[in-house]
Amino acid sequence: MFFDTLSVTGEDPDHSVDERRWVIFGISSAGRLLIVSYVERRDTVRIISSREMNPGERHIYEEG
């Protein structure tokens, strides 16, 4: 997911109260289209949530 050269990453201001959160849309190493929410703390990435894209999100990702 984090090595997908076509992934799209953006800030998640709606859920960033105490820390800067990020959302990444991309393809996992297993070929699944995923959305992952995460934070970076020092040298560590903490994954908050991960799920498969729904059909509408897949459509947007595949067109982009």
C-alpha atoms as a PDB file:
ATOM      1  CA  MET A   1       0.000   0.000   0.000  1.00  0.00           C
ATOM      2  CA  PHE A   2       2.650   2.516   1.022  1.00  0.00           C
ATOM      3  CA  PHE A   3       4.840   1.431  -1.905  1.00  0.00           C
ATOM      4  CA  ASP A   4       2.086   1.795  -4.538  1.00  0.00           C
ATOM      5  CA  THR A   5       3.443   4.447  -6.921  1.00  0.00           C
ATOM      6  CA  LEU A   6      -0.111   5.316  -7.995  1.00  0.00           C
ATOM      7  CA  SER A   7      -1.475   5.724  -4.459  1.00  0.00           C
ATOM      8  CA  VAL A   8      -3.038   9.009  -3.396  1.00  0.00           C
ATOM      9  CA  THR A   9      -2.406  10.434   0.081  1.00  0.00           C
ATOM     10  CA  GLY A  10      -4.122  13.369   1.755  1.00  0.00           C
ATOM     11  CA  GLU A  11      -4.693  14.873   5.172  1.00  0.00           C
ATOM     12  CA  ASP A  12      -7.757  13.840   7.168  1.00  0.00           C
ATOM     13  CA  PRO A  13      -8.729  17.115   8.884  1.00  0.00           C
ATOM     14  CA  ASP A  14     -12.154  15.809   9.938  1.00  0.00           C
ATOM     15  CA  HIS A  15     -10.497  13.282  12.247  1.00  0.00           C
ATOM     16  CA  SER A  16      -7.313  15.182  13.197  1.00  0.00           C
ATOM     17  CA  VAL A  17      -8.024  16.701  16.586  1.00  0.00           C
ATOM     18  CA  ASP A  18      -4.867  16.008  18.591  1.00  0.00           C
ATOM     19  CA  GLU A  19      -2.573  14.705  15.848  1.00  0.00           C
ATOM     20  CA  ARG A  20      -2.073  15.000  12.107  1.00  0.00           C
ATOM     21  CA  ARG A  21      -3.833  12.072  10.402  1.00  0.00           C
ATOM     22  CA  TRP A  22      -3.476  10.900   6.831  1.00  0.00           C
ATOM     23  CA  VAL A  23      -5.570   8.800   4.453  1.00  0.00           C
ATOM     24  CA  ILE A  24      -4.056   6.820   1.598  1.00  0.00           C
ATOM     25  CA  PHE A  25      -5.957   5.257  -1.315  1.00  0.00           C
ATOM     26  CA  GLY A  26      -4.025   2.518  -3.107  1.00  0.00           C
ATOM     27  CA  ILE A  27      -3.407  -1.098  -3.973  1.00  0.00           C
ATOM     28  CA  SER A  28      -2.012  -3.525  -1.401  1.00  0.00           C
ATOM     29  CA  SER A  29       0.731  -6.039  -2.176  1.00  0.00           C
ATOM     30  CA  ALA A  30      -2.084  -8.620  -2.451  1.00  0.00           C
ATOM     31  CA  GLY A  31      -3.801  -6.530  -5.139  1.00  0.00           C
ATOM     32  CA  ARG A  32      -6.678  -5.246  -2.990  1.00  0.00           C
ATOM     33  CA  LEU A  33      -7.939  -1.667  -3.374  1.00  0.00           C
ATOM     34  CA  LEU A  34      -7.729  -0.200   0.135  1.00  0.00           C
ATOM     35  CA  ILE A  35      -8.219   2.979   2.123  1.00  0.00           C
ATOM     36  CA  VAL A  36      -5.866   3.271   5.094  1.00  0.00           C
ATOM     37  CA  SER A  37      -5.997   5.927   7.801  1.00  0.00           C
ATOM     38  CA  TYR A  38      -2.746   6.448   9.705  1.00  0.00           C
ATOM     39  CA  VAL A  39      -0.548   8.760  11.763  1.00  0.00           C
ATOM     40  CA  GLU A  40       3.215   9.180  11.788  1.00  0.00           C
ATOM     41  CA  ARG A  41       4.856   9.249  15.215  1.00  0.00           C
ATOM     42  CA  ARG A  42       8.578   9.823  15.158  1.00  0.00           C
ATOM     43  CA  ASP A  43       9.910   6.950  13.031  1.00  0.00           C
ATOM     44  CA  THR A  44       6.745   4.845  13.301  1.00  0.00           C
ATOM     45  CA  VAL A  45       3.590   4.641  11.194  1.00  0.00           C
ATOM     46  CA  ARG A  46       0.494   3.740  13.244  1.00  0.00           C
ATOM     47  CA  ILE A  47      -2.407   2.392  11.196  1.00  0.00           C
ATOM     48  CA  ILE A  48      -5.734   3.554  12.592  1.00  0.00           C
ATOM     49  CA  SER A  49      -8.007   1.756  10.156  1.00  0.00           C
ATOM     50  CA  SER A  50      -7.925  -0.125   6.881  1.00  0.00           C
ATOM     51  CA  ARG A  51     -10.765  -1.227   4.629  1.00  0.00           C
ATOM     52  CA  GLU A  52     -11.520  -2.131   1.053  1.00  0.00           C
ATOM     53  CA  MET A  53     -12.811   0.659  -1.172  1.00  0.00           C
ATOM     54  CA  ASN A  54     -16.514   0.658  -1.895  1.00  0.00           C
ATOM     55  CA  PRO A  55     -17.680   0.645  -5.557  1.00  0.00           C
ATOM     56  CA  GLY A  56     -17.913   4.458  -5.729  1.00  0.00           C
ATOM     57  CA  GLU A  57     -14.415   4.893  -4.295  1.00  0.00           C
ATOM     58  CA  ARG A  58     -13.032   2.269  -6.684  1.00  0.00           C
ATOM     59  CA  HIS A  59     -14.541   4.129  -9.610  1.00  0.00           C
ATOM     60  CA  ILE A  60     -12.890   7.397  -8.548  1.00  0.00           C
ATOM     61  CA  TYR A  61      -9.534   5.709  -7.892  1.00  0.00           C
ATOM     62  CA  GLU A  62      -9.506   3.846 -11.201  1.00  0.00           C
ATOM     63  CA  GLU A  63     -10.321   7.013 -13.174  1.00  0.00           C
ATOM     64  CA  GLY A  64      -7.681   9.102 -11.382  1.00  0.00           C
END
